[in-house]
Amino acid sequence: MDELILKAKNGDKTSFTELMLQIKEELYKVAKIRLRNDDDVFDAIQETMLVSYKSLKKLKNNQYFKTWVIKILINECNKIYNYKNKKKLCSDDMLDNVNVCTRDNMEEKLNFEFICSKLNKEDGTIILLYYMENYTDKEIGKILNLNENTVRTKRTRAKEKIKKYL
């Protein structure tokens, strides 16, 4: 991945495209939990790709490429969300029977519908990034502009909310 990032920073569009293809599923999952419909999700991902390509030379540490792109994606999702003044984050029709993979001590499988309906969008994003994408609290903090301890606290509280409903 480092080689692709270096090539992309030097203007190689093919390398940048390959980088985006490698993380497309993560981008989709993050955008899907934050936005209501696929059109908005794809708009956010497309805008993220444009912003990322234009700003790639500003990336200081190549090892944080995915974190950096996801942070851009979340900002784009927030712009779309705020622009459309959506009241409800997730709708039942787009989330039926989609299961979230669990990690370590989480014994029950959670589905997106449950997460979206019981948690606010920030908590839902933290749960998604931590349990589905295996990001650390520190990485999630960088993405969401939160302190690592704040992320840990929010994740713990979100787990407690989920446990109450289980």
Protein backbone atom coordinates (compact mmCIF):
# COMPACT_ATOMS: atom_id res chain seq x y z
CA MET A 1 0.00 0.00 0.00
CA ASP A 2 2.88 2.38 0.77
CA GLU A 3 4.18 2.11 -2.77
CA LEU A 4 0.74 2.92 -4.19
CA ILE A 5 0.46 5.93 -1.89
CA LEU A 6 3.84 7.25 -3.01
CA LYS A 7 2.89 6.81 -6.67
CA ALA A 8 -0.48 8.46 -6.08
CA LYS A 9 1.19 11.40 -4.32
CA ASN A 10 3.30 11.83 -7.44
CA GLY A 11 0.17 12.10 -9.57
CA ASP A 12 -0.39 8.50 -10.67
CA LYS A 13 -4.16 8.27 -11.08
CA THR A 14 -4.10 4.49 -11.51
CA SER A 15 -2.39 4.04 -8.14
CA PHE A 16 -4.91 6.31 -6.47
CA THR A 17 -7.76 4.36 -8.04
CA GLU A 18 -6.24 1.10 -6.77
CA LEU A 19 -5.99 2.58 -3.25
CA MET A 20 -9.64 3.58 -3.34
CA LEU A 21 -10.67 0.14 -4.58
CA GLN A 22 -8.81 -1.45 -1.66
CA ILE A 23 -10.84 0.50 0.89
CA LYS A 24 -14.16 0.83 -0.93
CA GLU A 25 -16.04 -1.58 1.34
CA GLU A 26 -14.94 0.24 4.49
CA LEU A 27 -15.96 3.55 2.96
CA TYR A 28 -19.36 2.17 2.05
CA LYS A 29 -19.97 0.73 5.53
CA VAL A 30 -19.03 3.96 7.29
CA ALA A 31 -21.10 6.11 4.94
CA LYS A 32 -24.06 3.71 5.12
CA ILE A 33 -24.31 3.94 8.88
CA ARG A 34 -24.17 7.74 8.77
CA LEU A 35 -26.53 8.42 5.86
CA ARG A 36 -30.04 7.34 4.97
CA ASN A 37 -29.90 6.16 1.38
CA ASP A 38 -27.51 4.77 -1.19
CA ASP A 39 -27.61 7.89 -3.36
CA ASP A 40 -26.29 9.96 -0.46
CA VAL A 41 -23.75 7.26 0.40
CA PHE A 42 -22.37 7.22 -3.13
CA ASP A 43 -22.34 11.02 -3.28
CA ALA A 44 -20.33 11.13 -0.05
CA ILE A 45 -17.89 8.49 -1.31
CA GLN A 46 -17.48 10.26 -4.64
CA GLU A 47 -16.82 13.60 -2.95
CA THR A 48 -14.40 11.88 -0.57
CA MET A 49 -12.46 10.50 -3.50
CA LEU A 50 -12.23 13.93 -5.11
CA VAL A 51 -11.16 15.67 -1.92
CA SER A 52 -8.68 12.89 -1.11
CA TYR A 53 -7.11 13.03 -4.56
CA LYS A 54 -6.76 16.81 -4.48
CA SER A 55 -5.35 16.79 -0.94
CA LEU A 56 -3.21 13.65 -1.07
CA LYS A 57 0.06 15.57 -1.02
CA LYS A 58 -0.96 17.02 2.36
CA LEU A 59 -0.97 13.54 3.92
CA LYS A 60 2.07 13.58 6.19
CA ASN A 61 2.22 9.97 7.34
CA ASN A 62 1.35 7.32 4.76
CA GLN A 63 0.48 4.70 7.40
CA TYR A 64 -2.61 6.76 8.29
CA PHE A 65 -3.96 6.84 4.74
CA LYS A 66 -7.13 4.85 5.52
CA THR A 67 -7.79 6.80 8.70
CA TRP A 68 -7.29 10.07 6.82
CA VAL A 69 -9.68 9.06 4.03
CA ILE A 70 -12.34 7.86 6.49
CA LYS A 71 -12.09 11.16 8.34
CA ILE A 72 -12.71 12.98 5.05
CA LEU A 73 -15.64 10.64 4.37
CA ILE A 74 -17.20 11.36 7.75
CA ASN A 75 -16.89 15.08 7.11
CA GLU A 76 -18.57 14.64 3.72
CA CYS A 77 -21.33 12.53 5.28
CA ASN A 78 -21.89 15.22 7.89
CA LYS A 79 -22.18 17.86 5.17
CA ILE A 80 -24.80 15.83 3.33
CA TYR A 81 -26.64 14.95 6.54
CA ASN A 82 -26.73 18.55 7.71
CA TYR A 83 -27.66 19.85 4.25
CA LYS A 84 -30.67 17.59 4.03
CA ASN A 85 -31.66 18.10 7.70
CA LYS A 86 -32.35 14.44 8.16
CA LYS A 87 -34.04 13.57 11.43
CA LYS A 88 -33.63 9.82 11.36
CA LEU A 89 -30.18 8.32 10.67
CA CYS A 90 -31.07 4.84 9.55
CA SER A 91 -34.16 3.46 7.88
CA ASP A 92 -35.47 -0.04 8.39
CA ASP A 93 -35.77 -0.87 4.69
CA MET A 94 -32.06 -0.45 3.92
CA LEU A 95 -30.75 -2.33 6.93
CA ASP A 96 -32.80 -5.52 7.10
CA ASN A 97 -30.80 -8.60 8.01
CA VAL A 98 -27.37 -6.99 7.81
CA ASN A 99 -25.21 -8.31 10.63
CA VAL A 100 -22.26 -6.59 12.23
CA CYS A 101 -19.26 -8.80 12.93
CA THR A 102 -18.25 -8.86 16.56
CA ARG A 103 -14.88 -8.77 18.28
CA ASP A 104 -13.43 -10.25 21.49
CA ASN A 105 -15.98 -10.05 24.32
CA MET A 106 -19.02 -9.16 22.22
CA GLU A 107 -20.92 -12.44 22.18
CA GLU A 108 -24.12 -11.34 20.54
CA LYS A 109 -24.32 -10.39 16.89
CA LEU A 110 -25.64 -6.90 16.41
CA ASN A 111 -27.42 -5.75 13.32
CA PHE A 112 -27.27 -2.29 11.77
CA GLU A 113 -30.94 -1.68 12.31
CA PHE A 114 -30.53 -2.16 16.04
CA ILE A 115 -27.42 0.01 16.23
CA CYS A 116 -28.95 2.81 14.21
CA SER A 117 -32.21 2.84 16.09
CA LYS A 118 -30.74 2.71 19.59
CA LEU A 119 -27.55 4.78 19.26
CA ASN A 120 -26.81 8.26 18.01
CA LYS A 121 -24.76 8.53 14.83
CA GLU A 122 -21.45 9.17 16.61
CA ASP A 123 -21.85 6.16 18.91
CA GLY A 124 -22.98 4.04 15.96
CA THR A 125 -19.91 5.08 14.01
CA ILE A 126 -17.63 4.24 16.93
CA ILE A 127 -19.21 0.79 17.27
CA LEU A 128 -18.94 0.20 13.51
CA LEU A 129 -15.30 1.25 13.28
CA TYR A 130 -14.26 -0.66 16.38
CA TYR A 131 -16.14 -3.93 15.94
CA MET A 132 -16.47 -4.19 12.18
CA GLU A 133 -13.37 -2.49 10.90
CA ASN A 134 -11.09 -3.26 13.88
CA TYR A 135 -9.87 0.29 14.35
CA THR A 136 -8.31 1.13 17.70
CA ASP A 137 -9.75 3.75 20.02
CA LYS A 138 -6.80 5.99 19.13
CA GLU A 139 -7.49 5.70 15.39
CA ILE A 140 -11.20 6.31 15.90
CA GLY A 141 -10.33 9.38 17.96
CA LYS A 142 -8.29 10.76 15.08
CA ILE A 143 -11.10 10.11 12.64
CA LEU A 144 -13.80 11.70 14.79
CA ASN A 145 -11.63 14.43 16.36
CA LEU A 146 -12.11 12.96 19.82
CA ASN A 147 -9.73 12.10 22.62
CA GLU A 148 -8.86 8.39 22.79
CA ASN A 149 -10.32 8.19 26.30
CA THR A 150 -13.53 9.85 25.11
CA VAL A 151 -13.85 7.24 22.38
CA ARG A 152 -13.31 4.45 24.91
CA THR A 153 -15.92 5.95 27.24
CA LYS A 154 -18.46 6.44 24.43
CA ARG A 155 -17.85 2.89 23.21
CA THR A 156 -18.33 1.49 26.72
CA ARG A 157 -21.54 3.46 27.20
CA ALA A 158 -22.81 2.39 23.78
CA LYS A 159 -22.10 -1.25 24.66
CA GLU A 160 -24.07 -0.81 27.89
CA LYS A 161 -27.02 0.61 25.93
CA ILE A 162 -26.85 -2.35 23.57
CA LYS A 163 -26.62 -4.86 26.44
CA LYS A 164 -29.77 -3.40 28.01
CA TYR A 165 -31.69 -4.14 24.83
CA LEU A 166 -30.21 -7.61 24.41
